[in-house]
mmCIF file of all heavy atoms, coordinates in Angstrom:
data_MODEL
# 
_entry.id   MODEL 
# 
loop_
_atom_site.group_PDB 
_atom_site.id 
_atom_site.type_symbol 
_atom_site.label_atom_id 
_atom_site.label_alt_id 
_atom_site.label_comp_id 
_atom_site.label_asym_id 
_atom_site.label_entity_id 
_atom_site.label_seq_id 
_atom_site.pdbx_PDB_ins_code 
_atom_site.Cartn_x 
_atom_site.Cartn_y 
_atom_site.Cartn_z 
_atom_site.occupancy 
_atom_site.B_iso_or_equiv 
_atom_site.pdbx_formal_charge 
_atom_site.auth_seq_id 
_atom_site.auth_comp_id 
_atom_site.auth_asym_id 
_atom_site.auth_atom_id 
_atom_site.pdbx_PDB_model_num 
ATOM 1   N N   . SER A 1 1  ? -6.915  -3.481  -3.229  1.00 0.00 ? 1  SER A N   1 
ATOM 2   C CA  . SER A 1 1  ? -5.822  -2.775  -2.559  1.00 0.00 ? 1  SER A CA  1 
ATOM 3   C C   . SER A 1 1  ? -4.520  -2.789  -3.353  1.00 0.00 ? 1  SER A C   1 
ATOM 4   O O   . SER A 1 1  ? -3.623  -1.992  -3.071  1.00 0.00 ? 1  SER A O   1 
ATOM 5   C CB  . SER A 1 1  ? -5.580  -3.381  -1.173  1.00 0.00 ? 1  SER A CB  1 
ATOM 6   O OG  . SER A 1 1  ? -5.070  -4.702  -1.282  1.00 0.00 ? 1  SER A OG  1 
ATOM 7   N N   . ILE A 1 2  ? -4.392  -3.709  -4.321  1.00 0.00 ? 2  ILE A N   1 
ATOM 8   C CA  . ILE A 1 2  ? -3.134  -3.791  -5.078  1.00 0.00 ? 2  ILE A CA  1 
ATOM 9   C C   . ILE A 1 2  ? -3.300  -3.355  -6.530  1.00 0.00 ? 2  ILE A C   1 
ATOM 10  O O   . ILE A 1 2  ? -2.388  -3.528  -7.338  1.00 0.00 ? 2  ILE A O   1 
ATOM 11  C CB  . ILE A 1 2  ? -2.541  -5.213  -5.027  1.00 0.00 ? 2  ILE A CB  1 
ATOM 12  C CG1 . ILE A 1 2  ? -3.515  -6.233  -5.628  1.00 0.00 ? 2  ILE A CG1 1 
ATOM 13  C CG2 . ILE A 1 2  ? -2.170  -5.589  -3.600  1.00 0.00 ? 2  ILE A CG2 1 
ATOM 14  C CD1 . ILE A 1 2  ? -2.909  -7.615  -5.791  1.00 0.00 ? 2  ILE A CD1 1 
ATOM 15  N N   . ARG A 1 3  ? -4.453  -2.796  -6.863  1.00 0.00 ? 3  ARG A N   1 
ATOM 16  C CA  . ARG A 1 3  ? -4.619  -2.247  -8.210  1.00 0.00 ? 3  ARG A CA  1 
ATOM 17  C C   . ARG A 1 3  ? -3.693  -1.047  -8.391  1.00 0.00 ? 3  ARG A C   1 
ATOM 18  O O   . ARG A 1 3  ? -3.508  -0.259  -7.455  1.00 0.00 ? 3  ARG A O   1 
ATOM 19  C CB  . ARG A 1 3  ? -6.064  -1.811  -8.431  1.00 0.00 ? 3  ARG A CB  1 
ATOM 20  C CG  . ARG A 1 3  ? -7.059  -2.939  -8.568  1.00 0.00 ? 3  ARG A CG  1 
ATOM 21  C CD  . ARG A 1 3  ? -8.465  -2.392  -8.756  1.00 0.00 ? 3  ARG A CD  1 
ATOM 22  N NE  . ARG A 1 3  ? -9.463  -3.435  -8.782  1.00 0.00 ? 3  ARG A NE  1 
ATOM 23  C CZ  . ARG A 1 3  ? -10.772 -3.211  -8.777  1.00 0.00 ? 3  ARG A CZ  1 
ATOM 24  N NH1 . ARG A 1 3  ? -11.216 -1.950  -8.744  1.00 0.00 ? 3  ARG A NH1 1 
ATOM 25  N NH2 . ARG A 1 3  ? -11.615 -4.217  -8.795  1.00 0.00 ? 3  ARG A NH2 1 
ATOM 26  N N   . PRO A 1 4  ? -3.113  -0.892  -9.565  1.00 0.00 ? 4  PRO A N   1 
ATOM 27  C CA  . PRO A 1 4  ? -2.227  0.267   -9.789  1.00 0.00 ? 4  PRO A CA  1 
ATOM 28  C C   . PRO A 1 4  ? -2.901  1.594   -9.488  1.00 0.00 ? 4  PRO A C   1 
ATOM 29  O O   . PRO A 1 4  ? -2.275  2.500   -8.925  1.00 0.00 ? 4  PRO A O   1 
ATOM 30  C CB  . PRO A 1 4  ? -1.876  0.138   -11.280 1.00 0.00 ? 4  PRO A CB  1 
ATOM 31  C CG  . PRO A 1 4  ? -1.979  -1.327  -11.564 1.00 0.00 ? 4  PRO A CG  1 
ATOM 32  C CD  . PRO A 1 4  ? -3.118  -1.810  -10.722 1.00 0.00 ? 4  PRO A CD  1 
ATOM 33  N N   . SER A 1 5  ? -4.182  1.723   -9.839  1.00 0.00 ? 5  SER A N   1 
ATOM 34  C CA  . SER A 1 5  ? -4.895  2.983   -9.587  1.00 0.00 ? 5  SER A CA  1 
ATOM 35  C C   . SER A 1 5  ? -5.022  3.256   -8.090  1.00 0.00 ? 5  SER A C   1 
ATOM 36  O O   . SER A 1 5  ? -4.896  4.398   -7.638  1.00 0.00 ? 5  SER A O   1 
ATOM 37  C CB  . SER A 1 5  ? -6.291  2.928   -10.222 1.00 0.00 ? 5  SER A CB  1 
ATOM 38  O OG  . SER A 1 5  ? -7.036  1.828   -9.714  1.00 0.00 ? 5  SER A OG  1 
ATOM 39  N N   . THR A 1 6  ? -5.253  2.197   -7.305  1.00 0.00 ? 6  THR A N   1 
ATOM 40  C CA  . THR A 1 6  ? -5.357  2.353   -5.854  1.00 0.00 ? 6  THR A CA  1 
ATOM 41  C C   . THR A 1 6  ? -4.010  2.720   -5.246  1.00 0.00 ? 6  THR A C   1 
ATOM 42  O O   . THR A 1 6  ? -3.908  3.631   -4.419  1.00 0.00 ? 6  THR A O   1 
ATOM 43  C CB  . THR A 1 6  ? -5.866  1.058   -5.205  1.00 0.00 ? 6  THR A CB  1 
ATOM 44  O OG1 . THR A 1 6  ? -7.123  0.698   -5.787  1.00 0.00 ? 6  THR A OG1 1 
ATOM 45  C CG2 . THR A 1 6  ? -6.053  1.239   -3.703  1.00 0.00 ? 6  THR A CG2 1 
ATOM 46  N N   . LEU A 1 7  ? -2.965  2.011   -5.658  1.00 0.00 ? 7  LEU A N   1 
ATOM 47  C CA  . LEU A 1 7  ? -1.624  2.282   -5.123  1.00 0.00 ? 7  LEU A CA  1 
ATOM 48  C C   . LEU A 1 7  ? -1.161  3.692   -5.473  1.00 0.00 ? 7  LEU A C   1 
ATOM 49  O O   . LEU A 1 7  ? -0.460  4.344   -4.694  1.00 0.00 ? 7  LEU A O   1 
ATOM 50  C CB  . LEU A 1 7  ? -0.635  1.249   -5.672  1.00 0.00 ? 7  LEU A CB  1 
ATOM 51  C CG  . LEU A 1 7  ? -0.872  -0.209  -5.217  1.00 0.00 ? 7  LEU A CG  1 
ATOM 52  C CD1 . LEU A 1 7  ? 0.089   -1.140  -5.925  1.00 0.00 ? 7  LEU A CD1 1 
ATOM 53  C CD2 . LEU A 1 7  ? -0.696  -0.319  -3.710  1.00 0.00 ? 7  LEU A CD2 1 
ATOM 54  N N   . LYS A 1 8  ? -1.569  4.162   -6.661  1.00 0.00 ? 8  LYS A N   1 
ATOM 55  C CA  . LYS A 1 8  ? -1.184  5.507   -7.087  1.00 0.00 ? 8  LYS A CA  1 
ATOM 56  C C   . LYS A 1 8  ? -1.892  6.570   -6.258  1.00 0.00 ? 8  LYS A C   1 
ATOM 57  O O   . LYS A 1 8  ? -1.319  7.618   -5.923  1.00 0.00 ? 8  LYS A O   1 
ATOM 58  C CB  . LYS A 1 8  ? -1.499  5.692   -8.574  1.00 0.00 ? 8  LYS A CB  1 
ATOM 59  C CG  . LYS A 1 8  ? -1.029  7.021   -9.143  1.00 0.00 ? 8  LYS A CG  1 
ATOM 60  C CD  . LYS A 1 8  ? -1.326  7.110   -10.632 1.00 0.00 ? 8  LYS A CD  1 
ATOM 61  C CE  . LYS A 1 8  ? -0.860  8.446   -11.212 1.00 0.00 ? 8  LYS A CE  1 
ATOM 62  N NZ  . LYS A 1 8  ? -1.151  8.542   -12.669 1.00 0.00 ? 8  LYS A NZ  1 
ATOM 63  N N   . ALA A 1 9  ? -3.149  6.302   -5.905  1.00 0.00 ? 9  ALA A N   1 
ATOM 64  C CA  . ALA A 1 9  ? -3.935  7.286   -5.154  1.00 0.00 ? 9  ALA A CA  1 
ATOM 65  C C   . ALA A 1 9  ? -3.611  7.286   -3.665  1.00 0.00 ? 9  ALA A C   1 
ATOM 66  O O   . ALA A 1 9  ? -3.709  8.316   -2.999  1.00 0.00 ? 9  ALA A O   1 
ATOM 67  C CB  . ALA A 1 9  ? -5.431  7.009   -5.354  1.00 0.00 ? 9  ALA A CB  1 
ATOM 68  N N   . MET A 1 10 ? -3.206  6.144   -3.137  1.00 0.00 ? 10 MET A N   1 
ATOM 69  C CA  . MET A 1 10 ? -2.950  6.039   -1.696  1.00 0.00 ? 10 MET A CA  1 
ATOM 70  C C   . MET A 1 10 ? -1.659  6.739   -1.309  1.00 0.00 ? 10 MET A C   1 
ATOM 71  O O   . MET A 1 10 ? -0.676  6.706   -2.052  1.00 0.00 ? 10 MET A O   1 
ATOM 72  C CB  . MET A 1 10 ? -2.856  4.559   -1.299  1.00 0.00 ? 10 MET A CB  1 
ATOM 73  C CG  . MET A 1 10 ? -4.181  3.825   -1.355  1.00 0.00 ? 10 MET A CG  1 
ATOM 74  S SD  . MET A 1 10 ? -5.301  4.305   -0.034  1.00 0.00 ? 10 MET A SD  1 
ATOM 75  C CE  . MET A 1 10 ? -4.545  3.450   1.337   1.00 0.00 ? 10 MET A CE  1 
ATOM 76  N N   . PRO A 1 11 ? -1.609  7.381   -0.140  1.00 0.00 ? 11 PRO A N   1 
ATOM 77  C CA  . PRO A 1 11 ? -0.349  7.946   0.360   1.00 0.00 ? 11 PRO A CA  1 
ATOM 78  C C   . PRO A 1 11 ? 0.693   6.843   0.526   1.00 0.00 ? 11 PRO A C   1 
ATOM 79  O O   . PRO A 1 11 ? 0.352   5.706   0.870   1.00 0.00 ? 11 PRO A O   1 
ATOM 80  C CB  . PRO A 1 11 ? -0.744  8.543   1.718   1.00 0.00 ? 11 PRO A CB  1 
ATOM 81  C CG  . PRO A 1 11 ? -2.218  8.759   1.627   1.00 0.00 ? 11 PRO A CG  1 
ATOM 82  C CD  . PRO A 1 11 ? -2.747  7.679   0.739   1.00 0.00 ? 11 PRO A CD  1 
ATOM 83  N N   . VAL A 1 12 ? 1.944   7.178   0.294   1.00 0.00 ? 12 VAL A N   1 
ATOM 84  C CA  . VAL A 1 12 ? 3.023   6.189   0.369   1.00 0.00 ? 12 VAL A CA  1 
ATOM 85  C C   . VAL A 1 12 ? 3.067   5.532   1.747   1.00 0.00 ? 12 VAL A C   1 
ATOM 86  O O   . VAL A 1 12 ? 3.270   4.317   1.866   1.00 0.00 ? 12 VAL A O   1 
ATOM 87  C CB  . VAL A 1 12 ? 4.387   6.846   0.045   1.00 0.00 ? 12 VAL A CB  1 
ATOM 88  C CG1 . VAL A 1 12 ? 5.518   5.842   0.237   1.00 0.00 ? 12 VAL A CG1 1 
ATOM 89  C CG2 . VAL A 1 12 ? 4.389   7.372   -1.381  1.00 0.00 ? 12 VAL A CG2 1 
ATOM 90  N N   . GLY A 1 13 ? 2.856   6.316   2.798   1.00 0.00 ? 13 GLY A N   1 
ATOM 91  C CA  . GLY A 1 13 ? 2.907   5.780   4.149   1.00 0.00 ? 13 GLY A CA  1 
ATOM 92  C C   . GLY A 1 13 ? 1.886   4.680   4.376   1.00 0.00 ? 13 GLY A C   1 
ATOM 93  O O   . GLY A 1 13 ? 2.176   3.658   5.017   1.00 0.00 ? 13 GLY A O   1 
ATOM 94  N N   . GLU A 1 14 ? 0.663   4.864   3.845   1.00 0.00 ? 14 GLU A N   1 
ATOM 95  C CA  . GLU A 1 14 ? -0.387  3.860   3.996   1.00 0.00 ? 14 GLU A CA  1 
ATOM 96  C C   . GLU A 1 14 ? 0.007   2.557   3.304   1.00 0.00 ? 14 GLU A C   1 
ATOM 97  O O   . GLU A 1 14 ? -0.210  1.461   3.829   1.00 0.00 ? 14 GLU A O   1 
ATOM 98  C CB  . GLU A 1 14 ? -1.698  4.388   3.406   1.00 0.00 ? 14 GLU A CB  1 
ATOM 99  C CG  . GLU A 1 14 ? -2.197  5.672   4.020   1.00 0.00 ? 14 GLU A CG  1 
ATOM 100 C CD  . GLU A 1 14 ? -2.815  5.441   5.388   1.00 0.00 ? 14 GLU A CD  1 
ATOM 101 O OE1 . GLU A 1 14 ? -3.454  4.399   5.597   1.00 0.00 ? 14 GLU A OE1 1 
ATOM 102 O OE2 . GLU A 1 14 ? -2.634  6.311   6.256   1.00 0.00 ? 14 GLU A OE2 1 
ATOM 103 N N   . THR A 1 15 ? 0.572   2.680   2.107   1.00 0.00 ? 15 THR A N   1 
ATOM 104 C CA  . THR A 1 15 ? 0.997   1.494   1.363   1.00 0.00 ? 15 THR A CA  1 
ATOM 105 C C   . THR A 1 15 ? 2.133   0.775   2.082   1.00 0.00 ? 15 THR A C   1 
ATOM 106 O O   . THR A 1 15 ? 2.160   -0.456  2.149   1.00 0.00 ? 15 THR A O   1 
ATOM 107 C CB  . THR A 1 15 ? 1.448   1.884   -0.064  1.00 0.00 ? 15 THR A CB  1 
ATOM 108 O OG1 . THR A 1 15 ? 0.375   2.575   -0.719  1.00 0.00 ? 15 THR A OG1 1 
ATOM 109 C CG2 . THR A 1 15 ? 1.822   0.657   -0.867  1.00 0.00 ? 15 THR A CG2 1 
ATOM 110 N N   . VAL A 1 16 ? 3.064   1.533   2.628   1.00 0.00 ? 16 VAL A N   1 
ATOM 111 C CA  . VAL A 1 16 ? 4.191   0.935   3.374   1.00 0.00 ? 16 VAL A CA  1 
ATOM 112 C C   . VAL A 1 16 ? 3.667   0.149   4.568   1.00 0.00 ? 16 VAL A C   1 
ATOM 113 O O   . VAL A 1 16 ? 4.130   -0.970  4.838   1.00 0.00 ? 16 VAL A O   1 
ATOM 114 C CB  . VAL A 1 16 ? 5.172   2.036   3.845   1.00 0.00 ? 16 VAL A CB  1 
ATOM 115 C CG1 . VAL A 1 16 ? 6.163   1.468   4.849   1.00 0.00 ? 16 VAL A CG1 1 
ATOM 116 C CG2 . VAL A 1 16 ? 5.913   2.627   2.653   1.00 0.00 ? 16 VAL A CG2 1 
ATOM 117 N N   . VAL A 1 17 ? 2.695   0.680   5.288   1.00 0.00 ? 17 VAL A N   1 
ATOM 118 C CA  . VAL A 1 17 ? 2.125   -0.005  6.446   1.00 0.00 ? 17 VAL A CA  1 
ATOM 119 C C   . VAL A 1 17 ? 1.468   -1.310  6.017   1.00 0.00 ? 17 VAL A C   1 
ATOM 120 O O   . VAL A 1 17 ? 1.656   -2.363  6.654   1.00 0.00 ? 17 VAL A O   1 
ATOM 121 C CB  . VAL A 1 17 ? 1.098   0.899   7.159   1.00 0.00 ? 17 VAL A CB  1 
ATOM 122 C CG1 . VAL A 1 17 ? 0.325   0.105   8.215   1.00 0.00 ? 17 VAL A CG1 1 
ATOM 123 C CG2 . VAL A 1 17 ? 1.791   2.083   7.805   1.00 0.00 ? 17 VAL A CG2 1 
ATOM 124 N N   . MET A 1 18 ? 0.704   -1.257  4.946   1.00 0.00 ? 18 MET A N   1 
ATOM 125 C CA  . MET A 1 18 ? 0.010   -2.457  4.468   1.00 0.00 ? 18 MET A CA  1 
ATOM 126 C C   . MET A 1 18 ? 1.002   -3.542  4.058   1.00 0.00 ? 18 MET A C   1 
ATOM 127 O O   . MET A 1 18 ? 0.891   -4.707  4.450   1.00 0.00 ? 18 MET A O   1 
ATOM 128 C CB  . MET A 1 18 ? -0.892  -2.098  3.290   1.00 0.00 ? 18 MET A CB  1 
ATOM 129 C CG  . MET A 1 18 ? -1.791  -3.235  2.818   1.00 0.00 ? 18 MET A CG  1 
ATOM 130 S SD  . MET A 1 18 ? -1.085  -4.164  1.431   1.00 0.00 ? 18 MET A SD  1 
ATOM 131 C CE  . MET A 1 18 ? -1.346  -3.001  0.090   1.00 0.00 ? 18 MET A CE  1 
ATOM 132 N N   . VAL A 1 19 ? 2.017   -3.151  3.263   1.00 0.00 ? 19 VAL A N   1 
ATOM 133 C CA  . VAL A 1 19 ? 3.019   -4.115  2.797   1.00 0.00 ? 19 VAL A CA  1 
ATOM 134 C C   . VAL A 1 19 ? 3.826   -4.674  3.965   1.00 0.00 ? 19 VAL A C   1 
ATOM 135 O O   . VAL A 1 19 ? 4.113   -5.874  4.025   1.00 0.00 ? 19 VAL A O   1 
ATOM 136 C CB  . VAL A 1 19 ? 3.947   -3.455  1.757   1.00 0.00 ? 19 VAL A CB  1 
ATOM 137 C CG1 . VAL A 1 19 ? 5.099   -4.387  1.396   1.00 0.00 ? 19 VAL A CG1 1 
ATOM 138 C CG2 . VAL A 1 19 ? 3.159   -3.084  0.503   1.00 0.00 ? 19 VAL A CG2 1 
ATOM 139 N N   . ALA A 1 20 ? 4.191   -3.815  4.914   1.00 0.00 ? 20 ALA A N   1 
ATOM 140 C CA  . ALA A 1 20 ? 4.968   -4.264  6.074   1.00 0.00 ? 20 ALA A CA  1 
ATOM 141 C C   . ALA A 1 20 ? 4.176   -5.268  6.908   1.00 0.00 ? 20 ALA A C   1 
ATOM 142 O O   . ALA A 1 20 ? 4.725   -6.275  7.373   1.00 0.00 ? 20 ALA A O   1 
ATOM 143 C CB  . ALA A 1 20 ? 5.366   -3.067  6.933   1.00 0.00 ? 20 ALA A CB  1 
ATOM 144 N N   . THR A 1 21 ? 2.883   -5.004  7.086   1.00 0.00 ? 21 THR A N   1 
ATOM 145 C CA  . THR A 1 21 ? 2.040   -5.931  7.838   1.00 0.00 ? 21 THR A CA  1 
ATOM 146 C C   . THR A 1 21 ? 2.013   -7.300  7.170   1.00 0.00 ? 21 THR A C   1 
ATOM 147 O O   . THR A 1 21 ? 2.182   -8.340  7.823   1.00 0.00 ? 21 THR A O   1 
ATOM 148 C CB  . THR A 1 21 ? 0.605   -5.383  7.958   1.00 0.00 ? 21 THR A CB  1 
ATOM 149 O OG1 . THR A 1 21 ? 0.636   -4.096  8.585   1.00 0.00 ? 21 THR A OG1 1 
ATOM 150 C CG2 . THR A 1 21 ? -0.268  -6.320  8.779   1.00 0.00 ? 21 THR A CG2 1 
ATOM 151 N N   . VAL A 1 22 ? 1.808   -7.298  5.852   1.00 0.00 ? 22 VAL A N   1 
ATOM 152 C CA  . VAL A 1 22 ? 1.780   -8.563  5.105   1.00 0.00 ? 22 VAL A CA  1 
ATOM 153 C C   . VAL A 1 22 ? 3.123   -9.283  5.213   1.00 0.00 ? 22 VAL A C   1 
ATOM 154 O O   . VAL A 1 22 ? 3.188   -10.495 5.469   1.00 0.00 ? 22 VAL A O   1 
ATOM 155 C CB  . VAL A 1 22 ? 1.428   -8.312  3.625   1.00 0.00 ? 22 VAL A CB  1 
ATOM 156 C CG1 . VAL A 1 22 ? 1.581   -9.598  2.805   1.00 0.00 ? 22 VAL A CG1 1 
ATOM 157 C CG2 . VAL A 1 22 ? 0.010   -7.769  3.496   1.00 0.00 ? 22 VAL A CG2 1 
ATOM 158 N N   . ALA A 1 23 ? 4.210   -8.547  5.012   1.00 0.00 ? 23 ALA A N   1 
ATOM 159 C CA  . ALA A 1 23 ? 5.545   -9.151  5.015   1.00 0.00 ? 23 ALA A CA  1 
ATOM 160 C C   . ALA A 1 23 ? 5.870   -9.798  6.362   1.00 0.00 ? 23 ALA A C   1 
ATOM 161 O O   . ALA A 1 23 ? 6.379   -10.923 6.417   1.00 0.00 ? 23 ALA A O   1 
ATOM 162 C CB  . ALA A 1 23 ? 6.592   -8.095  4.668   1.00 0.00 ? 23 ALA A CB  1 
ATOM 163 N N   . VAL A 1 24 ? 5.566   -9.092  7.451   1.00 0.00 ? 24 VAL A N   1 
ATOM 164 C CA  . VAL A 1 24 ? 5.878   -9.622  8.784   1.00 0.00 ? 24 VAL A CA  1 
ATOM 165 C C   . VAL A 1 24 ? 5.021   -10.845 9.095   1.00 0.00 ? 24 VAL A C   1 
ATOM 166 O O   . VAL A 1 24 ? 5.512   -11.840 9.648   1.00 0.00 ? 24 VAL A O   1 
ATOM 167 C CB  . VAL A 1 24 ? 5.690   -8.529  9.861   1.00 0.00 ? 24 VAL A CB  1 
ATOM 168 C CG1 . VAL A 1 24 ? 5.840   -9.120  11.256  1.00 0.00 ? 24 VAL A CG1 1 
ATOM 169 C CG2 . VAL A 1 24 ? 6.687   -7.407  9.652   1.00 0.00 ? 24 VAL A CG2 1 
# 
């Protein structure tokens, strides 16, 4: 989930949700 290729392909919104979940 944190590979550059995955982050590049994923929509920004999906990545924001994942990071926000981890951070909280």
